[in-house]
Amino acid sequence: PTFFPPKKGKASGAFLYASYKTGQPKIYTRPLMGGRADLFSKLRGNQPMPAISPQRNQVAFVSDAAGNPDLFLQPFDPQTGPLGKPRQLFSARASAQASPTFSPDGSKIAFVSDKDGSPRIYIMEVSEEKQSPQPKVISRLSRSNTAPAWSPDGTKIAYSSLTDGVRQIWIYDLLEDREWQLTQGSGHKENCSWAPDSLHLVCNSDTNRGCQLFLVNLNQPHAVRITSGSGERLFPQWEPRSID
C-alpha cells in the first residue's frame, strides 16, 4: 500500500495498492474511510508496486505489458484518476525493474533493476523526453538490493540488502554520495518506510512468532519491535505529512 500525499492541513484520504483478486496483480485506489476500490489502469499484464509522487500528479509502477517488467509513469489527478495513457519510463533488455520511489520534489525516481546482474538500486531523472536518461547505480557494497524508500527531506534512500546471509537495512546518503549499513543482527529486515521526520524507519522482520514490524532510529539503529502476536505483518507504510 502507499498513501496519497495529503493536501496542506489535511490527512491522507486514500491509498494505492496491488491486488491479485483477478489472478494477476492489478493496481487499485481506495478511500481510507469507506468507499469502493477502483481499478487504476486497464493496461494489460501484471502491474505491481505503485508509487505516487508527493505532488500527487504522477504514479510510477511496474508492468510487463510490453513483455518485460518495465518501469511506467502515469499522469494522475487524485480527484479524477489517471490522465491519458501511461508511458514506459525505463526498460532494459532481459532484466526486471521493481519498487519505484519518488524524490520529494518528484523530479527523480529510485528503483530496483537487475540489468547489470544482481538487483541494485538506481536513480534516474523523470524526463518528458522520449529517450529516458540513463540511471545511476547507488548500491555497490552489497548484493540483492530491494525496496528503496526516499526520505521525506530528500537526503537519503533506505533499502534492504543481503549482508552476510541476512537482509539488513542500508542507507545511501545523497549529500555525501556514500552508502552504509544501518541495522545488525538476525532476522531479515525488509520493506522500510520513512517517518515524516526523516529520522525513523519502520520495517518488517522475521521473528520466532512470524513477521513483525520494527522501528529503527538512524542515531540508535537497534531495531525495536512495535507489534506482537503471531502471524505475518508486511509492507508497512508511514502516513506522510501534509504538503503545500
C-alpha atoms as a PDB file:
ATOM      1  CA  PRO A   1       0.000   0.000   0.000  1.00  0.00           C
ATOM      2  CA  THR A   2       1.008   3.638  -0.465  1.00  0.00           C
ATOM      3  CA  PHE A   3      -0.797   6.680   0.936  1.00  0.00           C
ATOM      4  CA  PHE A   4      -1.921   9.546  -1.270  1.00  0.00           C
ATOM      5  CA  PRO A   5       0.116  12.555  -0.065  1.00  0.00           C
ATOM      6  CA  PRO A   6      -2.361  14.826   1.760  1.00  0.00           C
ATOM      7  CA  LYS A   7      -3.143  18.433   0.958  1.00  0.00           C
ATOM      8  CA  LYS A   8      -1.940  21.143   3.329  1.00  0.00           C
ATOM      9  CA  GLY A   9      -3.639  20.872   6.704  1.00  0.00           C
ATOM     10  CA  LYS A  10      -5.393  17.642   5.743  1.00  0.00           C
ATOM     11  CA  ALA A  11      -4.898  13.950   6.393  1.00  0.00           C
ATOM     12  CA  SER A  12      -4.396  11.456   3.602  1.00  0.00           C
ATOM     13  CA  GLY A  13      -7.792  10.343   2.333  1.00  0.00           C
ATOM     14  CA  ALA A  14      -6.923   7.401   0.082  1.00  0.00           C
ATOM     15  CA  PHE A  15      -4.274   4.894  -0.862  1.00  0.00           C
ATOM     16  CA  LEU A  16      -2.972   2.804  -3.780  1.00  0.00           C
ATOM     17  CA  TYR A  17      -2.330  -0.906  -3.568  1.00  0.00           C
ATOM     18  CA  ALA A  18      -1.861  -4.010  -5.720  1.00  0.00           C
ATOM     19  CA  SER A  19      -4.322  -6.928  -5.548  1.00  0.00           C
ATOM     20  CA  TYR A  20      -4.305 -10.422  -7.056  1.00  0.00           C
ATOM     21  CA  LYS A  21      -8.073 -10.802  -6.850  1.00  0.00           C
ATOM     22  CA  THR A  22      -8.391 -11.250 -10.643  1.00  0.00           C
ATOM     23  CA  GLY A  23      -5.397 -13.620 -10.823  1.00  0.00           C
ATOM     24  CA  GLN A  24      -2.836 -11.018 -11.932  1.00  0.00           C
ATOM     25  CA  PRO A  25      -1.572  -8.148  -9.782  1.00  0.00           C
ATOM     26  CA  LYS A  26      -3.534  -5.010 -10.664  1.00  0.00           C
ATOM     27  CA  ILE A  27      -3.403  -1.572  -9.052  1.00  0.00           C
ATOM     28  CA  TYR A  28      -6.427  -0.135  -7.254  1.00  0.00           C
ATOM     29  CA  THR A  29      -7.238   3.113  -5.467  1.00  0.00           C
ATOM     30  CA  ARG A  30      -9.404   3.152  -2.377  1.00  0.00           C
ATOM     31  CA  PRO A  31     -10.572   5.737   0.195  1.00  0.00           C
ATOM     32  CA  LEU A  32      -9.318   5.218   3.729  1.00  0.00           C
ATOM     33  CA  MET A  33     -12.826   5.546   5.143  1.00  0.00           C
ATOM     34  CA  GLY A  34     -15.484   3.585   3.284  1.00  0.00           C
ATOM     35  CA  GLY A  35     -15.988   3.782  -0.456  1.00  0.00           C
ATOM     36  CA  ARG A  36     -15.104   1.278  -3.128  1.00  0.00           C
ATOM     37  CA  ALA A  37     -11.884   0.104  -4.727  1.00  0.00           C
ATOM     38  CA  ASP A  38     -11.390   1.436  -8.265  1.00  0.00           C
ATOM     39  CA  LEU A  39      -9.164  -0.177 -10.884  1.00  0.00           C
ATOM     40  CA  PHE A  40      -6.282   2.199 -11.588  1.00  0.00           C
ATOM     41  CA  SER A  41      -5.358   1.161 -15.136  1.00  0.00           C
ATOM     42  CA  LYS A  42      -6.697  -1.044 -17.921  1.00  0.00           C
ATOM     43  CA  LEU A  43      -3.178  -1.779 -19.136  1.00  0.00           C
ATOM     44  CA  ARG A  44      -2.798  -5.493 -19.781  1.00  0.00           C
ATOM     45  CA  GLY A  45      -0.453  -7.788 -17.897  1.00  0.00           C
ATOM     46  CA  ASN A  46       0.881  -7.571 -14.349  1.00  0.00           C
ATOM     47  CA  GLN A  47       1.045  -4.181 -12.608  1.00  0.00           C
ATOM     48  CA  PRO A  48       2.509  -4.369  -9.105  1.00  0.00           C
ATOM     49  CA  MET A  49       4.364  -1.871  -6.916  1.00  0.00           C
ATOM     50  CA  PRO A  50       2.646   1.511  -7.328  1.00  0.00           C
ATOM     51  CA  ALA A  51       4.235   4.719  -6.011  1.00  0.00           C
ATOM     52  CA  ILE A  52       2.673   8.184  -6.104  1.00  0.00           C
ATOM     53  CA  SER A  53       4.664  11.420  -6.312  1.00  0.00           C
ATOM     54  CA  PRO A  54       4.477  13.850  -3.360  1.00  0.00           C
ATOM     55  CA  GLN A  55       2.860  16.353  -5.758  1.00  0.00           C
ATOM     56  CA  ARG A  56       0.037  13.818  -6.346  1.00  0.00           C
ATOM     57  CA  ASN A  57       0.327  14.217 -10.130  1.00  0.00           C
ATOM     58  CA  GLN A  58       2.252  11.082 -11.181  1.00  0.00           C
ATOM     59  CA  VAL A  59       2.120   7.372 -10.363  1.00  0.00           C
ATOM     60  CA  ALA A  60       5.049   5.089 -11.107  1.00  0.00           C
ATOM     61  CA  PHE A  61       4.549   1.351 -11.349  1.00  0.00           C
ATOM     62  CA  VAL A  62       5.951  -1.812 -12.902  1.00  0.00           C
ATOM     63  CA  SER A  63       4.213  -3.536 -15.808  1.00  0.00           C
ATOM     64  CA  ASP A  64       5.057  -6.367 -18.188  1.00  0.00           C
ATOM     65  CA  ALA A  65       2.597  -5.111 -20.824  1.00  0.00           C
ATOM     66  CA  ALA A  66       5.483  -4.887 -23.310  1.00  0.00           C
ATOM     67  CA  GLY A  67       6.767  -8.344 -22.352  1.00  0.00           C
ATOM     68  CA  ASN A  68       9.308  -7.297 -19.721  1.00  0.00           C
ATOM     69  CA  PRO A  69       8.838  -5.959 -16.165  1.00  0.00           C
ATOM     70  CA  ASP A  70       9.444  -2.309 -17.071  1.00  0.00           C
ATOM     71  CA  LEU A  71       9.034   0.978 -15.244  1.00  0.00           C
ATOM     72  CA  PHE A  72       5.984   3.024 -16.283  1.00  0.00           C
ATOM     73  CA  LEU A  73       4.768   6.518 -15.417  1.00  0.00           C
ATOM     74  CA  GLN A  74       1.106   7.598 -15.374  1.00  0.00           C
ATOM     75  CA  PRO A  75      -0.076  11.249 -15.136  1.00  0.00           C
ATOM     76  CA  PHE A  76      -2.637  11.377 -12.359  1.00  0.00           C
ATOM     77  CA  ASP A  77      -5.259  13.536 -10.654  1.00  0.00           C
ATOM     78  CA  PRO A  78      -6.451  12.458  -7.171  1.00  0.00           C
ATOM     79  CA  GLN A  79      -9.991  13.596  -7.953  1.00  0.00           C
ATOM     80  CA  THR A  80     -10.484  12.148 -11.429  1.00  0.00           C
ATOM     81  CA  GLY A  81      -7.835   9.405 -11.587  1.00  0.00           C
ATOM     82  CA  PRO A  82      -5.354   8.615 -14.409  1.00  0.00           C
ATOM     83  CA  LEU A  83      -4.903  11.242 -17.139  1.00  0.00           C
ATOM     84  CA  GLY A  84      -4.253   9.847 -20.602  1.00  0.00           C
ATOM     85  CA  LYS A  85      -2.077   6.822 -21.230  1.00  0.00           C
ATOM     86  CA  PRO A  86       0.912   5.645 -19.173  1.00  0.00           C
ATOM     87  CA  ARG A  87       4.338   5.820 -20.786  1.00  0.00           C
ATOM     88  CA  GLN A  88       7.271   3.488 -20.468  1.00  0.00           C
ATOM     89  CA  LEU A  89       9.900   5.315 -18.432  1.00  0.00           C
ATOM     90  CA  PHE A  90      12.674   2.717 -18.349  1.00  0.00           C
ATOM     91  CA  SER A  91      13.348  -0.688 -19.864  1.00  0.00           C
ATOM     92  CA  ALA A  92      16.470  -2.824 -20.141  1.00  0.00           C
ATOM     93  CA  ARG A  93      16.826  -5.957 -22.226  1.00  0.00           C
ATOM     94  CA  ALA A  94      16.360  -9.268 -20.371  1.00  0.00           C
ATOM     95  CA  SER A  95      16.017  -7.547 -16.988  1.00  0.00           C
ATOM     96  CA  ALA A  96      13.342  -6.750 -14.439  1.00  0.00           C
ATOM     97  CA  GLN A  97      12.587  -3.390 -12.837  1.00  0.00           C
ATOM     98  CA  ALA A  98      10.847  -3.081  -9.458  1.00  0.00           C
ATOM     99  CA  SER A  99       9.891  -0.946  -6.445  1.00  0.00           C
ATOM    100  CA  PRO A 100       9.896   2.688  -7.653  1.00  0.00           C
ATOM    101  CA  THR A 101      10.019   5.537  -5.121  1.00  0.00           C
ATOM    102  CA  PHE A 102       9.856   9.292  -5.857  1.00  0.00           C
ATOM    103  CA  SER A 103      12.149  12.015  -4.584  1.00  0.00           C
ATOM    104  CA  PRO A 104      10.283  14.647  -2.508  1.00  0.00           C
ATOM    105  CA  ASP A 105      10.258  17.137  -5.406  1.00  0.00           C
ATOM    106  CA  GLY A 106       9.015  14.495  -7.852  1.00  0.00           C
ATOM    107  CA  SER A 107      11.927  15.042 -10.241  1.00  0.00           C
ATOM    108  CA  LYS A 108      13.673  11.680  -9.715  1.00  0.00           C
ATOM    109  CA  ILE A 109      12.794   8.041  -9.127  1.00  0.00           C
ATOM    110  CA  ALA A 110      14.820   5.398  -7.322  1.00  0.00           C
ATOM    111  CA  PHE A 111      14.077   1.797  -8.296  1.00  0.00           C
ATOM    112  CA  VAL A 112      15.459  -1.736  -8.415  1.00  0.00           C
ATOM    113  CA  SER A 113      16.895  -3.306 -11.574  1.00  0.00           C
ATOM    114  CA  ASP A 114      18.922  -6.412 -12.313  1.00  0.00           C
ATOM    115  CA  LYS A 115      20.101  -5.059 -15.661  1.00  0.00           C
ATOM    116  CA  ASP A 116      23.746  -5.413 -14.589  1.00  0.00           C
ATOM    117  CA  GLY A 117      23.373  -8.776 -12.832  1.00  0.00           C
ATOM    118  CA  SER A 118      22.418  -8.758  -9.152  1.00  0.00           C
ATOM    119  CA  PRO A 119      19.482  -6.472  -8.236  1.00  0.00           C
ATOM    120  CA  ARG A 120      20.780  -2.993  -7.431  1.00  0.00           C
ATOM    121  CA  ILE A 121      19.273   0.398  -6.605  1.00  0.00           C
ATOM    122  CA  TYR A 122      19.314   3.045  -9.347  1.00  0.00           C
ATOM    123  CA  ILE A 123      18.298   6.705  -9.560  1.00  0.00           C
ATOM    124  CA  MET A 124      17.060   8.415 -12.707  1.00  0.00           C
ATOM    125  CA  GLU A 125      15.524  11.727 -13.723  1.00  0.00           C
ATOM    126  CA  VAL A 126      11.803  11.833 -14.536  1.00  0.00           C
ATOM    127  CA  SER A 127      12.138  13.185 -18.057  1.00  0.00           C
ATOM    128  CA  GLU A 128       9.454  14.166 -20.548  1.00  0.00           C
ATOM    129  CA  GLU A 129      11.806  13.226 -23.367  1.00  0.00           C
ATOM    130  CA  LYS A 130      11.104  10.105 -25.406  1.00  0.00           C
ATOM    131  CA  GLN A 131      14.633   8.878 -24.693  1.00  0.00           C
ATOM    132  CA  SER A 132      14.935   8.481 -20.925  1.00  0.00           C
ATOM    133  CA  PRO A 133      18.223   9.449 -19.243  1.00  0.00           C
ATOM    134  CA  GLN A 134      20.479   6.645 -18.077  1.00  0.00           C
ATOM    135  CA  PRO A 135      20.041   5.680 -14.415  1.00  0.00           C
ATOM    136  CA  LYS A 136      22.838   5.939 -11.848  1.00  0.00           C
ATOM    137  CA  VAL A 137      23.611   2.961  -9.602  1.00  0.00           C
ATOM    138  CA  ILE A 138      23.885   3.822  -5.880  1.00  0.00           C
ATOM    139  CA  SER A 139      24.214   0.369  -4.223  1.00  0.00           C
ATOM    140  CA  ARG A 140      27.655  -1.097  -4.823  1.00  0.00           C
ATOM    141  CA  LEU A 141      28.783  -2.536  -1.469  1.00  0.00           C
ATOM    142  CA  SER A 142      26.203  -5.298  -1.042  1.00  0.00           C
ATOM    143  CA  ARG A 143      24.111  -7.597  -3.230  1.00  0.00           C
ATOM    144  CA  SER A 144      20.469  -8.454  -3.848  1.00  0.00           C
ATOM    145  CA  ASN A 145      19.163  -4.966  -3.042  1.00  0.00           C
ATOM    146  CA  THR A 146      15.406  -4.426  -2.761  1.00  0.00           C
ATOM    147  CA  ALA A 147      12.636  -1.953  -1.898  1.00  0.00           C
ATOM    148  CA  PRO A 148      14.218   1.543  -1.859  1.00  0.00           C
ATOM    149  CA  ALA A 149      12.459   4.303   0.111  1.00  0.00           C
ATOM    150  CA  TRP A 150      13.327   8.008  -0.368  1.00  0.00           C
ATOM    151  CA  SER A 151      13.426  10.051   2.844  1.00  0.00           C
ATOM    152  CA  PRO A 152      10.943  12.981   3.092  1.00  0.00           C
ATOM    153  CA  ASP A 153      13.788  15.511   3.394  1.00  0.00           C
ATOM    154  CA  GLY A 154      15.300  14.191   0.164  1.00  0.00           C
ATOM    155  CA  THR A 155      18.765  13.468   1.586  1.00  0.00           C
ATOM    156  CA  LYS A 156      18.714   9.669   1.958  1.00  0.00           C
ATOM    157  CA  ILE A 157      17.443   6.460   0.402  1.00  0.00           C
ATOM    158  CA  ALA A 158      16.905   3.366   2.556  1.00  0.00           C
ATOM    159  CA  TYR A 159      16.841  -0.133   1.112  1.00  0.00           C
ATOM    160  CA  SER A 160      17.282  -3.791   2.098  1.00  0.00           C
ATOM    161  CA  SER A 161      20.429  -5.707   1.132  1.00  0.00           C
ATOM    162  CA  LEU A 162      21.624  -9.256   1.665  1.00  0.00           C
ATOM    163  CA  THR A 163      24.538  -8.846   4.079  1.00  0.00           C
ATOM    164  CA  ASP A 164      26.425 -11.910   5.331  1.00  0.00           C
ATOM    165  CA  GLY A 165      23.367 -14.050   4.649  1.00  0.00           C
ATOM    166  CA  VAL A 166      20.849 -11.755   6.410  1.00  0.00           C
ATOM    167  CA  ARG A 167      18.827  -8.904   4.909  1.00  0.00           C
ATOM    168  CA  GLN A 168      19.774  -5.628   6.614  1.00  0.00           C
ATOM    169  CA  ILE A 169      18.686  -2.017   6.093  1.00  0.00           C
ATOM    170  CA  TRP A 170      21.254   0.127   4.315  1.00  0.00           C
ATOM    171  CA  ILE A 171      21.249   3.896   3.782  1.00  0.00           C
ATOM    172  CA  TYR A 172      22.527   5.847   0.803  1.00  0.00           C
ATOM    173  CA  ASP A 173      23.345   9.467   1.674  1.00  0.00           C
ATOM    174  CA  LEU A 174      22.800  11.648  -1.392  1.00  0.00           C
ATOM    175  CA  LEU A 175      24.638  14.637   0.109  1.00  0.00           C
ATOM    176  CA  GLU A 176      27.786  12.618   0.837  1.00  0.00           C
ATOM    177  CA  ASP A 177      27.427  10.125  -2.044  1.00  0.00           C
ATOM    178  CA  ARG A 178      28.054   7.135   0.212  1.00  0.00           C
ATOM    179  CA  GLU A 179      26.203   4.056   1.464  1.00  0.00           C
ATOM    180  CA  TRP A 180      26.336   2.499   4.905  1.00  0.00           C
ATOM    181  CA  GLN A 181      24.746  -0.360   6.823  1.00  0.00           C
ATOM    182  CA  LEU A 182      22.161   0.716   9.410  1.00  0.00           C
ATOM    183  CA  THR A 183      20.918  -2.473  11.100  1.00  0.00           C
ATOM    184  CA  GLN A 184      22.657  -5.550  12.508  1.00  0.00           C
ATOM    185  CA  GLY A 185      21.660  -8.886  13.999  1.00  0.00           C
ATOM    186  CA  SER A 186      19.443 -11.782  12.972  1.00  0.00           C
ATOM    187  CA  GLY A 187      16.113 -11.613  11.165  1.00  0.00           C
ATOM    188  CA  HIS A 188      15.674 -10.389   7.606  1.00  0.00           C
ATOM    189  CA  LYS A 189      14.759  -6.679   7.665  1.00  0.00           C
ATOM    190  CA  GLU A 190      12.839  -5.516   4.611  1.00  0.00           C
ATOM    191  CA  ASN A 191      10.289  -3.091   3.142  1.00  0.00           C
ATOM    192  CA  CYS A 192      11.188   0.019   5.129  1.00  0.00           C
ATOM    193  CA  SER A 193       9.154   3.243   5.183  1.00  0.00           C
ATOM    194  CA  TRP A 194      10.313   6.627   6.496  1.00  0.00           C
ATOM    195  CA  ALA A 195       8.648   8.650   9.219  1.00  0.00           C
ATOM    196  CA  PRO A 196       7.927  12.298   8.269  1.00  0.00           C
ATOM    197  CA  ASP A 197      10.896  13.368  10.446  1.00  0.00           C
ATOM    198  CA  SER A 198      13.376  11.534   8.140  1.00  0.00           C
ATOM    199  CA  LEU A 199      14.945  10.094  11.293  1.00  0.00           C
ATOM    200  CA  HIS A 200      12.894   6.954  11.972  1.00  0.00           C
ATOM    201  CA  LEU A 201      12.113   3.957   9.783  1.00  0.00           C
ATOM    202  CA  VAL A 202       9.560   1.170  10.109  1.00  0.00           C
ATOM    203  CA  CYS A 203      10.282  -2.214   8.506  1.00  0.00           C
ATOM    204  CA  ASN A 204       9.189  -5.833   8.752  1.00  0.00           C
ATOM    205  CA  SER A 205      11.498  -8.523  10.127  1.00  0.00           C
ATOM    206  CA  ASP A 206      11.403 -12.250  10.813  1.00  0.00           C
ATOM    207  CA  THR A 207      10.931 -13.436  14.419  1.00  0.00           C
ATOM    208  CA  ASN A 208      10.066 -16.754  16.079  1.00  0.00           C
ATOM    209  CA  ARG A 209       6.425 -15.582  16.086  1.00  0.00           C
ATOM    210  CA  GLY A 210       6.181 -14.689  12.423  1.00  0.00           C
ATOM    211  CA  CYS A 211       6.997 -11.463  10.646  1.00  0.00           C
ATOM    212  CA  GLN A 212       6.668  -8.393  12.879  1.00  0.00           C
ATOM    213  CA  LEU A 213       7.103  -4.630  12.450  1.00  0.00           C
ATOM    214  CA  PHE A 214      10.158  -2.901  13.894  1.00  0.00           C
ATOM    215  CA  LEU A 215      11.120   0.729  14.435  1.00  0.00           C
ATOM    216  CA  VAL A 216      14.663   1.959  13.742  1.00  0.00           C
ATOM    217  CA  ASN A 217      16.271   5.304  14.611  1.00  0.00           C
ATOM    218  CA  LEU A 218      19.179   6.469  12.424  1.00  0.00           C
ATOM    219  CA  ASN A 219      21.069   7.531  15.559  1.00  0.00           C
ATOM    220  CA  GLN A 220      20.126   4.433  17.591  1.00  0.00           C
ATOM    221  CA  PRO A 221      19.920   1.681  14.975  1.00  0.00           C
ATOM    222  CA  HIS A 222      18.871  -1.158  17.288  1.00  0.00           C
ATOM    223  CA  ALA A 223      15.542  -2.301  15.821  1.00  0.00           C
ATOM    224  CA  VAL A 224      12.654  -2.168  18.346  1.00  0.00           C
ATOM    225  CA  ARG A 225       9.619  -4.410  17.790  1.00  0.00           C
ATOM    226  CA  ILE A 226       6.327  -2.492  17.770  1.00  0.00           C
ATOM    227  CA  THR A 227       3.877  -5.330  17.036  1.00  0.00           C
ATOM    228  CA  SER A 228       3.126  -8.581  18.859  1.00  0.00           C
ATOM    229  CA  GLY A 229       1.226 -11.824  18.431  1.00  0.00           C
ATOM    230  CA  SER A 230       1.534 -14.491  15.758  1.00  0.00           C
ATOM    231  CA  GLY A 231       1.066 -14.003  12.036  1.00  0.00           C
ATOM    232  CA  GLU A 232       2.694 -12.091   9.199  1.00  0.00           C
ATOM    233  CA  ARG A 233       2.930  -8.289   9.143  1.00  0.00           C
ATOM    234  CA  LEU A 234       4.439  -6.987   5.926  1.00  0.00           C
ATOM    235  CA  PHE A 235       4.953  -3.860   3.794  1.00  0.00           C
ATOM    236  CA  PRO A 236       4.410  -1.110   6.402  1.00  0.00           C
ATOM    237  CA  GLN A 237       3.734   2.385   5.093  1.00  0.00           C
ATOM    238  CA  TRP A 238       4.074   5.531   7.216  1.00  0.00           C
ATOM    239  CA  GLU A 239       1.414   8.181   6.564  1.00  0.00           C
ATOM    240  CA  PRO A 240       3.050  11.325   5.138  1.00  0.00           C
ATOM    241  CA  ARG A 241       2.610  14.835   6.477  1.00  0.00           C
ATOM    242  CA  SER A 242       0.502  17.323   4.569  1.00  0.00           C
ATOM    243  CA  ILE A 243       2.207  19.304   1.786  1.00  0.00           C
ATOM    244  CA  ASP A 244       1.716  22.865   0.500  1.00  0.00           C
END
